[in-house]
Amino acid sequence: MSVRTKRVYDPPSPGDGMRVLVMRLWPRGIKKSRVDRWLKELGAEIPLIRAWKSRKLTSWPEFRRRYLAGLKKPAARARLRELKALAKRGRVTLLCACPYESRCHRGLLKRLLA
């Protein structure tokens, strides 16, 4: 499987393959033509995002634990299977608005698919 990650605000490139947005909410200012598929069920849940951004949730390991627990829900599991199937067919680039992959769920998804 060939899975890459990128910020959704970075310009598309020919090597991106299938560009998959993995955010619950559509990012401001992004045209739908810049994304091939939107799997919002693979984004972090809204309460988790709010807790992280408000700094009520202070540790990355706790965010990771809660995010991965959310992927066990039926809707998320179905989308995860869909994402795996896409990755088996060709290159997939996971897109999110977070500036750093090391503190973003898209990095967790990439490792999960590897």
Protein backbone atom coordinates (compact mmCIF):
# COMPACT_ATOMS: atom_id res chain seq x y z
CA MET A 1 0.00 0.00 0.00
CA SER A 2 1.16 3.48 -0.82
CA VAL A 3 -0.24 6.00 1.65
CA ARG A 4 1.03 9.55 2.02
CA THR A 5 -0.19 12.47 4.07
CA LYS A 6 -0.48 16.11 3.23
CA ARG A 7 -2.06 19.25 4.52
CA VAL A 8 -5.28 19.98 2.63
CA TYR A 9 -4.08 23.57 2.10
CA ASP A 10 -0.94 22.37 0.26
CA PRO A 11 -1.34 22.44 -3.53
CA PRO A 12 -2.20 19.15 -5.24
CA SER A 13 0.62 17.40 -7.06
CA PRO A 14 0.58 14.71 -9.77
CA GLY A 15 2.02 12.11 -7.36
CA ASP A 16 -0.83 12.45 -4.85
CA GLY A 17 -2.99 9.75 -6.39
CA MET A 18 -6.43 9.60 -4.75
CA ARG A 19 -6.76 12.62 -2.46
CA VAL A 20 -8.87 11.65 0.57
CA LEU A 21 -10.03 14.22 3.11
CA VAL A 22 -10.20 12.71 6.62
CA MET A 23 -11.82 15.56 8.58
CA ARG A 24 -15.26 15.75 10.21
CA LEU A 25 -15.89 19.27 8.94
CA TRP A 26 -15.12 20.62 5.48
CA PRO A 27 -12.09 22.96 5.65
CA ARG A 28 -12.74 26.62 5.00
CA GLY A 29 -11.67 27.92 1.60
CA ILE A 30 -11.08 24.51 -0.02
CA LYS A 31 -12.91 23.78 -3.27
CA LYS A 32 -14.46 20.34 -3.63
CA SER A 33 -12.44 19.84 -6.82
CA ARG A 34 -9.23 19.62 -4.72
CA VAL A 35 -10.44 16.44 -2.99
CA ASP A 36 -11.37 13.12 -4.62
CA ARG A 37 -13.16 11.57 -1.65
CA TRP A 38 -14.32 12.76 1.77
CA LEU A 39 -14.33 10.13 4.51
CA LYS A 40 -15.49 12.31 7.39
CA GLU A 41 -16.08 9.32 9.68
CA LEU A 42 -12.27 8.90 9.83
CA GLY A 43 -11.80 12.39 11.22
CA ALA A 44 -11.52 12.97 14.95
CA GLU A 45 -14.92 13.35 16.59
CA ILE A 46 -16.03 16.94 17.27
CA PRO A 47 -15.90 16.70 21.11
CA LEU A 48 -12.37 15.31 20.86
CA ILE A 49 -11.30 18.12 18.52
CA ARG A 50 -12.78 20.74 20.86
CA ALA A 51 -11.07 19.22 23.91
CA TRP A 52 -7.73 19.15 22.06
CA LYS A 53 -7.99 22.72 20.76
CA SER A 54 -9.12 24.14 24.11
CA ARG A 55 -6.22 22.34 25.81
CA LYS A 56 -8.56 20.46 28.15
CA LEU A 57 -6.90 17.38 26.72
CA THR A 58 -3.23 17.98 27.35
CA SER A 59 -1.51 14.79 26.25
CA TRP A 60 -1.04 13.46 22.75
CA PRO A 61 -1.18 9.82 23.98
CA GLU A 62 -4.65 10.49 25.41
CA PHE A 63 -5.79 12.06 22.13
CA ARG A 64 -4.40 9.06 20.25
CA ARG A 65 -6.18 6.60 22.57
CA ARG A 66 -9.53 8.37 22.19
CA TYR A 67 -9.15 8.75 18.42
CA LEU A 68 -8.31 5.07 17.92
CA ALA A 69 -11.23 4.09 20.17
CA GLY A 70 -13.52 6.14 17.91
CA LEU A 71 -12.34 4.13 14.89
CA LYS A 72 -13.99 1.04 16.41
CA LYS A 73 -17.48 2.44 15.77
CA PRO A 74 -19.31 0.74 12.87
CA ALA A 75 -19.37 3.80 10.56
CA ALA A 76 -15.66 4.43 11.06
CA ARG A 77 -14.79 0.74 10.56
CA ALA A 78 -16.69 0.74 7.27
CA ARG A 79 -14.81 3.81 6.04
CA LEU A 80 -11.51 2.33 7.20
CA ARG A 81 -12.21 -0.76 5.06
CA GLU A 82 -13.02 1.55 2.15
CA LEU A 83 -9.76 3.43 2.66
CA LYS A 84 -7.76 0.18 2.77
CA ALA A 85 -9.36 -0.93 -0.49
CA LEU A 86 -8.46 2.39 -2.12
CA ALA A 87 -4.86 2.10 -0.91
CA LYS A 88 -4.56 -1.41 -2.35
CA ARG A 89 -5.56 -0.08 -5.78
CA GLY A 90 -3.07 2.79 -5.87
CA ARG A 91 -1.50 5.72 -4.11
CA VAL A 92 -3.66 7.53 -1.56
CA THR A 93 -2.90 10.89 0.06
CA LEU A 94 -4.67 11.55 3.36
CA LEU A 95 -5.60 15.19 3.79
CA CYS A 96 -6.25 17.22 6.93
CA ALA A 97 -5.87 20.85 8.01
CA CYS A 98 -3.47 20.14 10.90
CA PRO A 99 -0.06 21.71 10.27
CA TYR A 100 2.03 18.83 11.67
CA GLU A 101 1.54 15.14 10.92
CA SER A 102 3.20 14.16 14.19
CA ARG A 103 0.26 15.63 16.13
CA CYS A 104 -2.52 14.82 13.68
CA HIS A 105 -4.85 11.89 13.29
CA ARG A 106 -3.85 11.55 9.62
CA GLY A 107 -0.44 10.31 10.82
CA LEU A 108 -2.20 7.76 13.04
CA LEU A 109 -4.29 6.60 10.09
CA LYS A 110 -1.20 6.29 7.89
CA ARG A 111 0.52 4.06 10.48
CA LEU A 112 -2.66 2.04 10.92
CA LEU A 113 -2.77 1.32 7.19
CA ALA A 114 0.93 0.42 6.95
